[in-house]
Amino acid sequence: MSTRLAIPNESLRLEAPLALGTIVPILGAFYFGSVWLKRKANPKGYPLREDFQPSQLQSLKAFLKTAITGTRYEVSNSRYDYGRIRPRSSGRIDEADNVELP
Protein backbone atom coordinates (compact mmCIF):
# COMPACT_ATOMS: atom_id res chain seq x y z
CA MET A 1 0.00 0.00 0.00
CA SER A 2 1.35 3.39 -0.96
CA THR A 3 1.54 6.33 1.46
CA ARG A 4 1.39 8.88 -1.37
CA LEU A 5 -1.66 11.03 -1.89
CA ALA A 6 -4.08 9.78 -4.48
CA ILE A 7 -3.34 12.58 -6.95
CA PRO A 8 -3.17 11.22 -10.48
CA ASN A 9 -0.57 13.64 -11.76
CA GLU A 10 2.50 14.51 -9.69
CA SER A 11 2.87 17.87 -11.40
CA LEU A 12 -0.48 18.92 -9.90
CA ARG A 13 1.05 18.72 -6.42
CA LEU A 14 3.73 21.12 -7.56
CA GLU A 15 1.42 23.49 -9.42
CA ALA A 16 -1.02 24.11 -6.54
CA PRO A 17 1.50 25.78 -4.18
CA LEU A 18 2.96 27.69 -7.11
CA ALA A 19 -0.49 29.02 -8.01
CA LEU A 20 -1.16 30.07 -4.41
CA GLY A 21 2.28 31.62 -4.19
CA THR A 22 1.51 33.83 -7.17
CA ILE A 23 -2.17 34.61 -6.56
CA VAL A 24 -1.84 35.81 -2.95
CA PRO A 25 0.84 38.47 -3.70
CA ILE A 26 -1.10 39.62 -6.76
CA LEU A 27 -4.25 40.11 -4.66
CA GLY A 28 -2.21 42.01 -2.08
CA ALA A 29 -0.73 44.21 -4.80
CA PHE A 30 -4.22 44.99 -6.14
CA TYR A 31 -5.44 45.95 -2.66
CA PHE A 32 -2.49 48.21 -1.87
CA GLY A 33 -2.65 49.66 -5.38
CA SER A 34 -6.32 50.56 -4.92
CA VAL A 35 -5.57 52.23 -1.57
CA TRP A 36 -2.70 54.15 -3.19
CA LEU A 37 -4.98 55.34 -6.01
CA LYS A 38 -7.61 56.46 -3.47
CA ARG A 39 -4.97 58.44 -1.59
CA LYS A 40 -3.70 59.98 -4.80
CA ALA A 41 -7.23 61.06 -5.81
CA ASN A 42 -7.84 62.87 -2.50
CA PRO A 43 -6.04 65.81 -0.88
CA LYS A 44 -3.04 65.10 1.34
CA GLY A 45 -4.11 64.12 4.87
CA TYR A 46 -7.66 63.25 3.78
CA PRO A 47 -8.77 60.23 5.85
CA LEU A 48 -9.86 57.13 3.99
CA ARG A 49 -12.19 54.46 5.33
CA GLU A 50 -9.20 52.09 5.55
CA ASP A 51 -7.54 54.45 8.08
CA PHE A 52 -10.32 53.77 10.59
CA GLN A 53 -10.52 50.00 10.20
CA PRO A 54 -8.86 47.85 12.86
CA SER A 55 -5.45 46.45 12.04
CA GLN A 56 -4.88 42.78 11.30
CA LEU A 57 -3.29 42.37 14.73
CA GLN A 58 -6.29 43.89 16.51
CA SER A 59 -8.67 41.68 14.54
CA LEU A 60 -6.61 38.59 15.32
CA LYS A 61 -6.55 39.46 19.05
CA ALA A 62 -10.36 39.86 19.09
CA PHE A 63 -10.73 36.56 17.21
CA LEU A 64 -8.52 34.71 19.69
CA LYS A 65 -10.24 36.31 22.71
CA THR A 66 -13.58 35.19 21.28
CA ALA A 67 -12.28 31.65 20.78
CA ILE A 68 -10.75 31.43 24.26
CA THR A 69 -13.19 33.36 26.47
CA GLY A 70 -16.38 33.20 24.43
CA THR A 71 -16.85 36.98 24.65
CA ARG A 72 -18.38 38.36 21.47
CA TYR A 73 -16.80 41.45 19.93
CA GLU A 74 -18.06 43.99 17.43
CA VAL A 75 -16.55 46.77 15.37
CA SER A 76 -18.00 50.17 16.21
CA ASN A 77 -19.83 52.12 13.50
CA SER A 78 -20.20 55.25 15.61
CA ARG A 79 -18.73 58.39 14.12
CA TYR A 80 -16.88 59.01 17.39
CA ASP A 81 -15.01 55.70 17.60
CA TYR A 82 -15.45 54.21 14.13
CA GLY A 83 -13.51 51.00 13.59
CA ARG A 84 -12.73 50.34 17.27
CA ILE A 85 -13.13 46.72 18.37
CA ARG A 86 -15.06 46.45 21.62
CA PRO A 87 -16.98 43.78 23.52
CA ARG A 88 -20.51 43.43 22.25
CA SER A 89 -23.08 45.21 24.40
CA SER A 90 -25.27 42.79 26.33
CA GLY A 91 -28.55 44.57 25.55
CA ARG A 92 -28.18 44.19 21.81
CA ILE A 93 -30.70 41.99 20.00
CA ASP A 94 -29.55 40.12 16.92
CA GLU A 95 -31.81 39.81 13.89
CA ALA A 96 -31.21 36.06 13.98
CA ASP A 97 -32.47 35.94 17.59
CA ASN A 98 -35.58 37.90 16.62
CA VAL A 99 -36.88 35.41 14.04
CA GLU A 100 -40.30 33.97 14.76
CA LEU A 101 -40.60 30.23 14.44
CA PRO A 102 -43.73 28.69 12.85
PDB file of N, CA and C in Angstrom:
ATOM      1  N   MET A   1       0.842  -1.174   0.000  1.00  0.00           N
ATOM      2  CA  MET A   1       0.000   0.000   0.000  1.00  0.00           C
ATOM      3  C   MET A   1       0.892   1.244   0.000  1.00  0.00           C
ATOM      4  N   SER A   2       0.549   2.190  -0.799  1.00  0.00           N
ATOM      5  CA  SER A   2       1.354   3.394  -0.956  1.00  0.00           C
ATOM      6  C   SER A   2       0.906   4.474   0.030  1.00  0.00           C
ATOM      7  N   THR A   3       1.860   5.241   0.535  1.00  0.00           N
ATOM      8  CA  THR A   3       1.535   6.333   1.458  1.00  0.00           C
ATOM      9  C   THR A   3       1.376   7.655   0.715  1.00  0.00           C
ATOM     10  N   ARG A   4       1.544   7.662  -0.584  1.00  0.00           N
ATOM     11  CA  ARG A   4       1.393   8.880  -1.370  1.00  0.00           C
ATOM     12  C   ARG A   4      -0.070   9.283  -1.474  1.00  0.00           C
ATOM     13  N   LEU A   5      -0.294  10.548  -1.687  1.00  0.00           N
ATOM     14  CA  LEU A   5      -1.656  11.029  -1.894  1.00  0.00           C
ATOM     15  C   LEU A   5      -2.189  10.486  -3.208  1.00  0.00           C
ATOM     16  N   ALA A   6      -3.470  10.335  -3.272  1.00  0.00           N
ATOM     17  CA  ALA A   6      -4.079   9.783  -4.479  1.00  0.00           C
ATOM     18  C   ALA A   6      -4.320  10.886  -5.501  1.00  0.00           C
ATOM     19  N   ILE A   7      -3.259  11.555  -5.915  1.00  0.00           N
ATOM     20  CA  ILE A   7      -3.345  12.577  -6.949  1.00  0.00           C
ATOM     21  C   ILE A   7      -2.796  11.949  -8.224  1.00  0.00           C
ATOM     22  N   PRO A   8      -3.585  11.943  -9.290  1.00  0.00           N
ATOM     23  CA  PRO A   8      -3.165  11.221 -10.481  1.00  0.00           C
ATOM     24  C   PRO A   8      -1.901  11.768 -11.133  1.00  0.00           C
ATOM     25  N   ASN A   9      -1.710  13.049 -11.076  1.00  0.00           N
ATOM     26  CA  ASN A   9      -0.574  13.642 -11.758  1.00  0.00           C
ATOM     27  C   ASN A   9       0.322  14.320 -10.718  1.00  0.00           C
ATOM     28  N   GLU A  10       1.586  13.950 -10.691  1.00  0.00           N
ATOM     29  CA  GLU A  10       2.497  14.514  -9.687  1.00  0.00           C
ATOM     30  C   GLU A  10       2.743  15.996  -9.909  1.00  0.00           C
ATOM     31  N   SER A  11       2.646  16.450 -11.136  1.00  0.00           N
ATOM     32  CA  SER A  11       2.869  17.871 -11.397  1.00  0.00           C
ATOM     33  C   SER A  11       1.781  18.733 -10.765  1.00  0.00           C
ATOM     34  N   LEU A  12       0.590  18.168 -10.539  1.00  0.00           N
ATOM     35  CA  LEU A  12      -0.485  18.923  -9.902  1.00  0.00           C
ATOM     36  C   LEU A  12      -0.108  19.294  -8.469  1.00  0.00           C
ATOM     37  N   ARG A  13       0.602  18.413  -7.781  1.00  0.00           N
ATOM     38  CA  ARG A  13       1.048  18.717  -6.420  1.00  0.00           C
ATOM     39  C   ARG A  13       2.066  19.846  -6.404  1.00  0.00           C
ATOM     40  N   LEU A  14       2.763  20.040  -7.484  1.00  0.00           N
ATOM     41  CA  LEU A  14       3.732  21.117  -7.555  1.00  0.00           C
ATOM     42  C   LEU A  14       3.093  22.414  -8.055  1.00  0.00           C
ATOM     43  N   GLU A  15       2.057  22.302  -8.848  1.00  0.00           N
ATOM     44  CA  GLU A  15       1.418  23.491  -9.417  1.00  0.00           C
ATOM     45  C   GLU A  15       0.526  24.209  -8.407  1.00  0.00           C
ATOM     46  N   ALA A  16      -0.101  23.488  -7.498  1.00  0.00           N
ATOM     47  CA  ALA A  16      -1.022  24.114  -6.541  1.00  0.00           C
ATOM     48  C   ALA A  16      -0.306  25.119  -5.629  1.00  0.00           C
ATOM     49  N   PRO A  17       0.814  24.769  -4.984  1.00  0.00           N
ATOM     50  CA  PRO A  17       1.500  25.782  -4.177  1.00  0.00           C
ATOM     51  C   PRO A  17       2.049  26.935  -5.013  1.00  0.00           C
ATOM     52  N   LEU A  18       2.465  26.636  -6.230  1.00  0.00           N
ATOM     53  CA  LEU A  18       2.961  27.694  -7.108  1.00  0.00           C
ATOM     54  C   LEU A  18       1.840  28.679  -7.441  1.00  0.00           C
ATOM     55  N   ALA A  19       0.651  28.150  -7.702  1.00  0.00           N
ATOM     56  CA  ALA A  19      -0.488  29.017  -8.006  1.00  0.00           C
ATOM     57  C   ALA A  19      -0.839  29.886  -6.800  1.00  0.00           C
ATOM     58  N   LEU A  20      -0.877  29.280  -5.609  1.00  0.00           N
ATOM     59  CA  LEU A  20      -1.164  30.071  -4.409  1.00  0.00           C
ATOM     60  C   LEU A  20      -0.065  31.096  -4.150  1.00  0.00           C
ATOM     61  N   GLY A  21       1.149  30.710  -4.413  1.00  0.00           N
ATOM     62  CA  GLY A  21       2.276  31.618  -4.192  1.00  0.00           C
ATOM     63  C   GLY A  21       2.292  32.795  -5.140  1.00  0.00           C
ATOM     64  N   THR A  22       1.584  32.698  -6.253  1.00  0.00           N
ATOM     65  CA  THR A  22       1.511  33.832  -7.167  1.00  0.00           C
ATOM     66  C   THR A  22       0.212  34.612  -6.996  1.00  0.00           C
ATOM     67  N   ILE A  23      -0.876  33.931  -6.670  1.00  0.00           N
ATOM     68  CA  ILE A  23      -2.169  34.612  -6.562  1.00  0.00           C
ATOM     69  C   ILE A  23      -2.239  35.503  -5.323  1.00  0.00           C
ATOM     70  N   VAL A  24      -1.748  35.035  -4.198  1.00  0.00           N
ATOM     71  CA  VAL A  24      -1.838  35.814  -2.955  1.00  0.00           C
ATOM     72  C   VAL A  24      -1.072  37.143  -3.060  1.00  0.00           C
ATOM     73  N   PRO A  25       0.177  37.163  -3.548  1.00  0.00           N
ATOM     74  CA  PRO A  25       0.843  38.470  -3.697  1.00  0.00           C
ATOM     75  C   PRO A  25       0.174  39.378  -4.727  1.00  0.00           C
ATOM     76  N   ILE A  26      -0.405  38.798  -5.766  1.00  0.00           N
ATOM     77  CA  ILE A  26      -1.097  39.623  -6.760  1.00  0.00           C
ATOM     78  C   ILE A  26      -2.333  40.279  -6.144  1.00  0.00           C
ATOM     79  N   LEU A  27      -3.093  39.521  -5.338  1.00  0.00           N
ATOM     80  CA  LEU A  27      -4.249  40.107  -4.661  1.00  0.00           C
ATOM     81  C   LEU A  27      -3.824  41.211  -3.689  1.00  0.00           C
ATOM     82  N   GLY A  28      -2.723  40.971  -2.980  1.00  0.00           N
ATOM     83  CA  GLY A  28      -2.206  42.007  -2.080  1.00  0.00           C
ATOM     84  C   GLY A  28      -1.791  43.253  -2.834  1.00  0.00           C
ATOM     85  N   ALA A  29      -1.153  43.062  -3.988  1.00  0.00           N
ATOM     86  CA  ALA A  29      -0.732  44.209  -4.801  1.00  0.00           C
ATOM     87  C   ALA A  29      -1.938  44.992  -5.305  1.00  0.00           C
ATOM     88  N   PHE A  30      -3.004  44.294  -5.710  1.00  0.00           N
ATOM     89  CA  PHE A  30      -4.224  44.985  -6.142  1.00  0.00           C
ATOM     90  C   PHE A  30      -4.826  45.797  -5.010  1.00  0.00           C
ATOM     91  N   TYR A  31      -4.863  45.235  -3.798  1.00  0.00           N
ATOM     92  CA  TYR A  31      -5.435  45.947  -2.658  1.00  0.00           C
ATOM     93  C   TYR A  31      -4.623  47.208  -2.346  1.00  0.00           C
ATOM     94  N   PHE A  32      -3.308  47.048  -2.204  1.00  0.00           N
ATOM     95  CA  PHE A  32      -2.491  48.209  -1.869  1.00  0.00           C
ATOM     96  C   PHE A  32      -2.452  49.225  -3.010  1.00  0.00           C
ATOM     97  N   GLY A  33      -2.561  48.742  -4.239  1.00  0.00           N
ATOM     98  CA  GLY A  33      -2.647  49.656  -5.378  1.00  0.00           C
ATOM     99  C   GLY A  33      -3.933  50.461  -5.352  1.00  0.00           C
ATOM    100  N   SER A  34      -5.046  49.829  -4.978  1.00  0.00           N
ATOM    101  CA  SER A  34      -6.316  50.558  -4.917  1.00  0.00           C
ATOM    102  C   SER A  34      -6.291  51.604  -3.800  1.00  0.00           C
ATOM    103  N   VAL A  35      -5.684  51.263  -2.659  1.00  0.00           N
ATOM    104  CA  VAL A  35      -5.569  52.234  -1.570  1.00  0.00           C
ATOM    105  C   VAL A  35      -4.672  53.394  -2.005  1.00  0.00           C
ATOM    106  N   TRP A  36      -3.592  53.095  -2.709  1.00  0.00           N
ATOM    107  CA  TRP A  36      -2.695  54.151  -3.191  1.00  0.00           C
ATOM    108  C   TRP A  36      -3.420  55.076  -4.158  1.00  0.00           C
ATOM    109  N   LEU A  37      -4.236  54.504  -5.064  1.00  0.00           N
ATOM    110  CA  LEU A  37      -4.981  55.338  -6.009  1.00  0.00           C
ATOM    111  C   LEU A  37      -6.022  56.197  -5.293  1.00  0.00           C
ATOM    112  N   LYS A  38      -6.661  55.658  -4.254  1.00  0.00           N
ATOM    113  CA  LYS A  38      -7.612  56.463  -3.474  1.00  0.00           C
ATOM    114  C   LYS A  38      -6.901  57.631  -2.805  1.00  0.00           C
ATOM    115  N   ARG A  39      -5.724  57.369  -2.249  1.00  0.00           N
ATOM    116  CA  ARG A  39      -4.971  58.443  -1.592  1.00  0.00           C
ATOM    117  C   ARG A  39      -4.527  59.493  -2.599  1.00  0.00           C
ATOM    118  N   LYS A  40      -4.160  59.046  -3.774  1.00  0.00           N
ATOM    119  CA  LYS A  40      -3.700  59.976  -4.805  1.00  0.00           C
ATOM    120  C   LYS A  40      -4.846  60.863  -5.304  1.00  0.00           C
ATOM    121  N   ALA A  41      -6.076  60.315  -5.318  1.00  0.00           N
ATOM    122  CA  ALA A  41      -7.228  61.060  -5.813  1.00  0.00           C
ATOM    123  C   ALA A  41      -7.736  62.095  -4.806  1.00  0.00           C
ATOM    124  N   ASN A  42      -7.364  61.957  -3.537  1.00  0.00           N
ATOM    125  CA  ASN A  42      -7.843  62.867  -2.497  1.00  0.00           C
ATOM    126  C   ASN A  42      -6.718  63.791  -2.040  1.00  0.00           C
ATOM    127  N   PRO A  43      -7.076  64.901  -1.383  1.00  0.00           N
ATOM    128  CA  PRO A  43      -6.037  65.808  -0.882  1.00  0.00           C
ATOM    129  C   PRO A  43      -5.166  65.137   0.179  1.00  0.00           C
ATOM    130  N   LYS A  44      -3.965  65.667   0.362  1.00  0.00           N
ATOM    131  CA  LYS A  44      -3.038  65.099   1.343  1.00  0.00           C
ATOM    132  C   LYS A  44      -3.640  65.221   2.745  1.00  0.00           C
ATOM    133  N   GLY A  45      -3.575  64.134   3.518  1.00  0.00           N
ATOM    134  CA  GLY A  45      -4.112  64.120   4.866  1.00  0.00           C
ATOM    135  C   GLY A  45      -5.593  63.785   4.933  1.00  0.00           C
ATOM    136  N   TYR A  46      -6.241  63.598   3.781  1.00  0.00           N
ATOM    137  CA  TYR A  46      -7.661  63.249   3.777  1.00  0.00           C
ATOM    138  C   TYR A  46      -7.820  61.816   4.266  1.00  0.00           C
ATOM    139  N   PRO A  47      -8.648  61.594   5.301  1.00  0.00           N
ATOM    140  CA  PRO A  47      -8.770  60.235   5.848  1.00  0.00           C
ATOM    141  C   PRO A  47      -9.617  59.336   4.939  1.00  0.00           C
ATOM    142  N   LEU A  48      -9.123  58.138   4.736  1.00  0.00           N
ATOM    143  CA  LEU A  48      -9.862  57.130   3.987  1.00  0.00           C
ATOM    144  C   LEU A  48     -10.541  56.192   4.965  1.00  0.00           C
ATOM    145  N   ARG A  49     -11.499  55.428   4.484  1.00  0.00           N
ATOM    146  CA  ARG A  49     -12.187  54.456   5.329  1.00  0.00           C
ATOM    147  C   ARG A  49     -11.206  53.429   5.892  1.00  0.00           C
ATOM    148  N   GLU A  50     -10.191  53.068   5.112  1.00  0.00           N
ATOM    149  CA  GLU A  50      -9.198  52.092   5.552  1.00  0.00           C
ATOM    150  C   GLU A  50      -8.402  52.581   6.757  1.00  0.00           C
ATOM    151  N   ASP A  51      -8.285  53.903   6.942  1.00  0.00           N
ATOM    152  CA  ASP A  51      -7.542  54.451   8.075  1.00  0.00           C
ATOM    153  C   ASP A  51      -8.242  54.168   9.404  1.00  0.00           C
ATOM    154  N   PHE A  52      -9.550  53.962   9.366  1.00  0.00           N
ATOM    155  CA  PHE A  52     -10.315  53.767  10.588  1.00  0.00           C
ATOM    156  C   PHE A  52     -10.613  52.312  10.883  1.00  0.00           C
ATOM    157  N   GLN A  53     -10.273  51.425   9.970  1.00  0.00           N
ATOM    158  CA  GLN A  53     -10.521  50.003  10.200  1.00  0.00           C
ATOM    159  C   GLN A  53      -9.471  49.446  11.139  1.00  0.00           C
ATOM    160  N   PRO A  54      -9.839  48.433  11.946  1.00  0.00           N
ATOM    161  CA  PRO A  54      -8.860  47.848  12.860  1.00  0.00           C
ATOM    162  C   PRO A  54      -7.748  47.144  12.086  1.00  0.00           C
ATOM    163  N   SER A  55      -6.583  47.112  12.687  1.00  0.00           N
ATOM    164  CA  SER A  55      -5.448  46.453  12.037  1.00  0.00           C
ATOM    165  C   SER A  55      -5.633  44.939  12.076  1.00  0.00           C
ATOM    166  N   GLN A  56      -4.812  44.238  11.311  1.00  0.00           N
ATOM    167  CA  GLN A  56      -4.880  42.783  11.297  1.00  0.00           C
ATOM    168  C   GLN A  56      -4.586  42.217  12.685  1.00  0.00           C
ATOM    169  N   LEU A  57      -3.640  42.837  13.396  1.00  0.00           N
ATOM    170  CA  LEU A  57      -3.285  42.369  14.734  1.00  0.00           C
ATOM    171  C   LEU A  57      -4.453  42.534  15.710  1.00  0.00           C
ATOM    172  N   GLN A  58      -5.140  43.672  15.642  1.00  0.00           N
ATOM    173  CA  GLN A  58      -6.293  43.891  16.510  1.00  0.00           C
ATOM    174  C   GLN A  58      -7.414  42.902  16.194  1.00  0.00           C
ATOM    175  N   SER A  59      -7.632  42.642  14.931  1.00  0.00           N
ATOM    176  CA  SER A  59      -8.666  41.685  14.537  1.00  0.00           C
ATOM    177  C   SER A  59      -8.316  40.283  15.007  1.00  0.00           C
ATOM    178  N   LEU A  60      -7.050  39.913  14.889  1.00  0.00           N
ATOM    179  CA  LEU A  60      -6.608  38.593  15.324  1.00  0.00           C
ATOM    180  C   LEU A  60      -6.744  38.438  16.837  1.00  0.00           C
ATOM    181  N   LYS A  61      -6.404  39.498  17.594  1.00  0.00           N
ATOM    182  CA  LYS A  61      -6.554  39.457  19.051  1.00  0.00           C
ATOM    183  C   LYS A  61      -8.018  39.266  19.443  1.00  0.00           C
ATOM    184  N   ALA A  62      -8.930  39.993  18.787  1.00  0.00           N
ATOM    185  CA  ALA A  62     -10.356  39.856  19.090  1.00  0.00           C
ATOM    186  C   ALA A  62     -10.847  38.461  18.722  1.00  0.00           C
ATOM    187  N   PHE A  63     -10.358  37.914  17.625  1.00  0.00           N
ATOM    188  CA  PHE A  63     -10.734  36.560  17.210  1.00  0.00           C
ATOM    189  C   PHE A  63     -10.289  35.533  18.245  1.00  0.00           C
ATOM    190  N   LEU A  64      -9.041  35.664  18.699  1.00  0.00           N
ATOM    191  CA  LEU A  64      -8.525  34.713  19.687  1.00  0.00           C
ATOM    192  C   LEU A  64      -9.222  34.862  21.038  1.00  0.00           C
ATOM    193  N   LYS A  65      -9.516  36.105  21.452  1.00  0.00           N
ATOM    194  CA  LYS A  65     -10.244  36.312  22.705  1.00  0.00           C
ATOM    195  C   LYS A  65     -11.640  35.697  22.626  1.00  0.00           C
ATOM    196  N   THR A  66     -12.270  35.806  21.464  1.00  0.00           N
ATOM    197  CA  THR A  66     -13.580  35.190  21.282  1.00  0.00           C
ATOM    198  C   THR A  66     -13.476  33.679  21.381  1.00  0.00           C
ATOM    199  N   ALA A  67     -12.450  33.108  20.759  1.00  0.00           N
ATOM    200  CA  ALA A  67     -12.283  31.654  20.775  1.00  0.00           C
ATOM    201  C   ALA A  67     -11.971  31.146  22.174  1.00  0.00           C
ATOM    202  N   ILE A  68     -11.183  31.904  22.940  1.00  0.00           N
ATOM    203  CA  ILE A  68     -10.747  31.431  24.257  1.00  0.00           C
ATOM    204  C   ILE A  68     -11.792  31.728  25.337  1.00  0.00           C
ATOM    205  N   THR A  69     -12.286  32.962  25.384  1.00  0.00           N
ATOM    206  CA  THR A  69     -13.185  33.355  26.472  1.00  0.00           C
ATOM    207  C   THR A  69     -14.663  33.256  26.116  1.00  0.00           C
ATOM    208  N   GLY A  70     -14.981  33.253  24.840  1.00  0.00           N
ATOM    209  CA  GLY A  70     -16.381  33.200  24.430  1.00  0.00           C
ATOM    210  C   GLY A  70     -17.042  34.567  24.396  1.00  0.00           C
ATOM    211  N   THR A  71     -16.307  35.623  24.697  1.00  0.00           N
ATOM    212  CA  THR A  71     -16.846  36.977  24.647  1.00  0.00           C
ATOM    213  C   THR A  71     -16.996  37.400  23.193  1.00  0.00           C
ATOM    214  N   ARG A  72     -18.159  37.924  22.847  1.00  0.00           N
ATOM    215  CA  ARG A  72     -18.378  38.362  21.474  1.00  0.00           C
ATOM    216  C   ARG A  72     -17.928  39.810  21.323  1.00  0.00           C
ATOM    217  N   TYR A  73     -17.292  40.109  20.207  1.00  0.00           N
ATOM    218  CA  TYR A  73     -16.797  41.452  19.930  1.00  0.00           C
ATOM    219  C   TYR A  73     -17.478  42.005  18.695  1.00  0.00           C
ATOM    220  N   GLU A  74     -17.497  43.338  18.606  1.00  0.00           N
ATOM    221  CA  GLU A  74     -18.056  43.994  17.432  1.00  0.00           C
ATOM    222  C   GLU A  74     -17.176  45.174  17.068  1.00  0.00           C
ATOM    223  N   VAL A  75     -17.279  45.600  15.829  1.00  0.00           N
ATOM    224  CA  VAL A  75     -16.548  46.774  15.366  1.00  0.00           C
ATOM    225  C   VAL A  75     -17.525  47.941  15.387  1.00  0.00           C
ATOM    226  N   SER A  76     -17.124  49.016  16.032  1.00  0.00           N
ATOM    227  CA  SER A  76     -17.999  50.165  16.209  1.00  0.00           C
ATOM    228  C   SER A  76     -18.239  50.883  14.883  1.00  0.00           C
ATOM    229  N   ASN A  77     -19.480  51.316  14.667  1.00  0.00           N
ATOM    230  CA  ASN A  77     -19.832  52.119  13.498  1.00  0.00           C
ATOM    231  C   ASN A  77     -20.158  53.551  13.881  1.00  0.00           C
ATOM    232  N   SER A  78     -19.931  53.898  15.136  1.00  0.00           N
ATOM    233  CA  SER A  78     -20.200  55.250  15.606  1.00  0.00           C
ATOM    234  C   SER A  78     -19.223  56.220  14.965  1.00  0.00           C
ATOM    235  N   ARG A  79     -19.646  57.427  14.740  1.00  0.00           N
ATOM    236  CA  ARG A  79     -18.727  58.388  14.124  1.00  0.00           C
ATOM    237  C   ARG A  79     -17.659  58.856  15.109  1.00  0.00           C
ATOM    238  N   TYR A  80     -17.851  58.581  16.395  1.00  0.00           N
ATOM    239  CA  TYR A  80     -16.883  59.007  17.394  1.00  0.00           C
ATOM    240  C   TYR A  80     -15.766  57.997  17.602  1.00  0.00           C
ATOM    241  N   ASP A  81     -16.056  56.718  17.443  1.00  0.00           N
ATOM    242  CA  ASP A  81     -15.006  55.705  17.599  1.00  0.00           C
ATOM    243  C   ASP A  81     -15.113  54.646  16.508  1.00  0.00           C
ATOM    244  N   TYR A  82     -15.266  55.092  15.273  1.00  0.00           N
ATOM    245  CA  TYR A  82     -15.448  54.206  14.126  1.00  0.00           C
ATOM    246  C   TYR A  82     -14.258  53.259  13.987  1.00  0.00           C
ATOM    247  N   GLY A  83     -14.551  51.986  13.826  1.00  0.00           N
ATOM    248  CA  GLY A  83     -13.511  51.001  13.594  1.00  0.00           C
ATOM    249  C   GLY A  83     -12.883  50.421  14.843  1.00  0.00           C
ATOM    250  N   ARG A  84     -13.302  50.872  16.024  1.00  0.00           N
ATOM    251  CA  ARG A  84     -12.733  50.339  17.267  1.00  0.00           C
ATOM    252  C   ARG A  84     -13.393  49.011  17.599  1.00  0.00           C
ATOM    253  N   ILE A  85     -12.595  48.019  17.963  1.00  0.00           N
ATOM    254  CA  ILE A  85     -13.131  46.725  18.369  1.00  0.00           C
ATOM    255  C   ILE A  85     -13.433  46.793  19.856  1.00  0.00           C
ATOM    256  N   ARG A  86     -14.657  46.414  20.211  1.00  0.00           N
ATOM    257  CA  ARG A  86     -15.057  46.453  21.616  1.00  0.00           C
ATOM    258  C   ARG A  86     -15.952  45.251  21.905  1.00  0.00           C
ATOM    259  N   PRO A  87     -16.066  44.880  23.187  1.00  0.00           N
ATOM    260  CA  PRO A  87     -16.975  43.778  23.522  1.00  0.00           C
ATOM    261  C   PRO A  87     -18.404  44.148  23.152  1.00  0.00           C
ATOM    262  N   ARG A  88     -19.135  43.187  22.678  1.00  0.00           N
ATOM    263  CA  ARG A  88     -20.507  43.428  22.254  1.00  0.00           C
ATOM    264  C   ARG A  88     -21.370  43.778  23.454  1.00  0.00           C
ATOM    265  N   SER A  89     -22.215  44.795  23.307  1.00  0.00           N
ATOM    266  CA  SER A  89     -23.081  45.209  24.403  1.00  0.00           C
ATOM    267  C   SER A  89     -24.114  44.124  24.673  1.00  0.00           C
ATOM    268  N   SER A  90     -24.406  43.904  25.944  1.00  0.00           N
ATOM    269  CA  SER A  90     -25.272  42.791  26.334  1.00  0.00           C
ATOM    270  C   SER A  90     -26.731  43.037  25.982  1.00  0.00           C
ATOM    271  N   GLY A  91     -27.146  44.284  25.834  1.00  0.00           N
ATOM    272  CA  GLY A  91     -28.546  44.574  25.552  1.00  0.00           C
ATOM    273  C   GLY A  91     -28.905  44.500  24.084  1.00  0.00           C
ATOM    274  N   ARG A  92     -27.947  44.203  23.242  1.00  0.00           N
ATOM    275  CA  ARG A  92     -28.183  44.191  21.807  1.00  0.00           C
ATOM    276  C   ARG A  92     -28.953  42.939  21.399  1.00  0.00           C
ATOM    277  N   ILE A  93     -29.913  43.118  20.496  1.00  0.00           N
ATOM    278  CA  ILE A  93     -30.698  41.993  20.003  1.00  0.00           C
ATOM    279  C   ILE A  93     -30.295  41.726  18.562  1.00  0.00           C
ATOM    280  N   ASP A  94     -29.905  40.497  18.276  1.00  0.00           N
ATOM    281  CA  ASP A  94     -29.548  40.117  16.915  1.00  0.00           C
ATOM    282  C   ASP A  94     -30.801  39.891  16.097  1.00  0.00           C
ATOM    283  N   GLU A  95     -30.691  40.111  14.780  1.00  0.00           N
ATOM    284  CA  GLU A  95     -31.815  39.815  13.893  1.00  0.00           C
ATOM    285  C   GLU A  95     -32.091  38.320  13.887  1.00  0.00           C
ATOM    286  N   ALA A  96     -31.044  37.507  13.995  1.00  0.00           N
ATOM    287  CA  ALA A  96     -31.212  36.060  13.982  1.00  0.00           C
ATOM    288  C   ALA A  96     -31.968  35.591  15.230  1.00  0.00           C
ATOM    289  N   ASP A  97     -31.786  36.298  16.353  1.00  0.00           N
ATOM    290  CA  ASP A  97     -32.473  35.937  17.589  1.00  0.00           C
ATOM    291  C   ASP A  97     -33.938  36.390  17.559  1.00  0.00           C
ATOM    292  N   ASN A  98     -34.262  37.295  16.663  1.00  0.00           N
ATOM    293  CA  ASN A  98     -35.578  37.903  16.618  1.00  0.00           C
ATOM    294  C   ASN A  98     -36.510  37.218  15.621  1.00  0.00           C
ATOM    295  N   VAL A  99     -36.089  36.115  15.046  1.00  0.00           N
ATOM    296  CA  VAL A  99     -36.883  35.411  14.038  1.00  0.00           C
ATOM    297  C   VAL A  99     -37.983  34.607  14.728  1.00  0.00           C
ATOM    298  N   GLU A 100     -39.197  34.726  14.201  1.00  0.00           N
ATOM    299  CA  GLU A 100     -40.300  33.970  14.759  1.00  0.00           C
ATOM    300  C   GLU A 100     -40.333  32.592  14.117  1.00  0.00           C
ATOM    301  N   LEU A 101     -40.503  31.587  14.944  1.00  0.00           N
ATOM    302  CA  LEU A 101     -40.599  30.225  14.445  1.00  0.00           C
ATOM    303  C   LEU A 101     -42.043  29.867  14.174  1.00  0.00           C
ATOM    304  N   PRO A 102     -42.325  29.043  13.161  1.00  0.00           N
ATOM    305  CA  PRO A 102     -43.725  28.687  12.850  1.00  0.00           C
ATOM    306  C   PRO A 102     -44.307  27.751  13.876  1.00  0.00           C
TER     307      PRO A 102
END
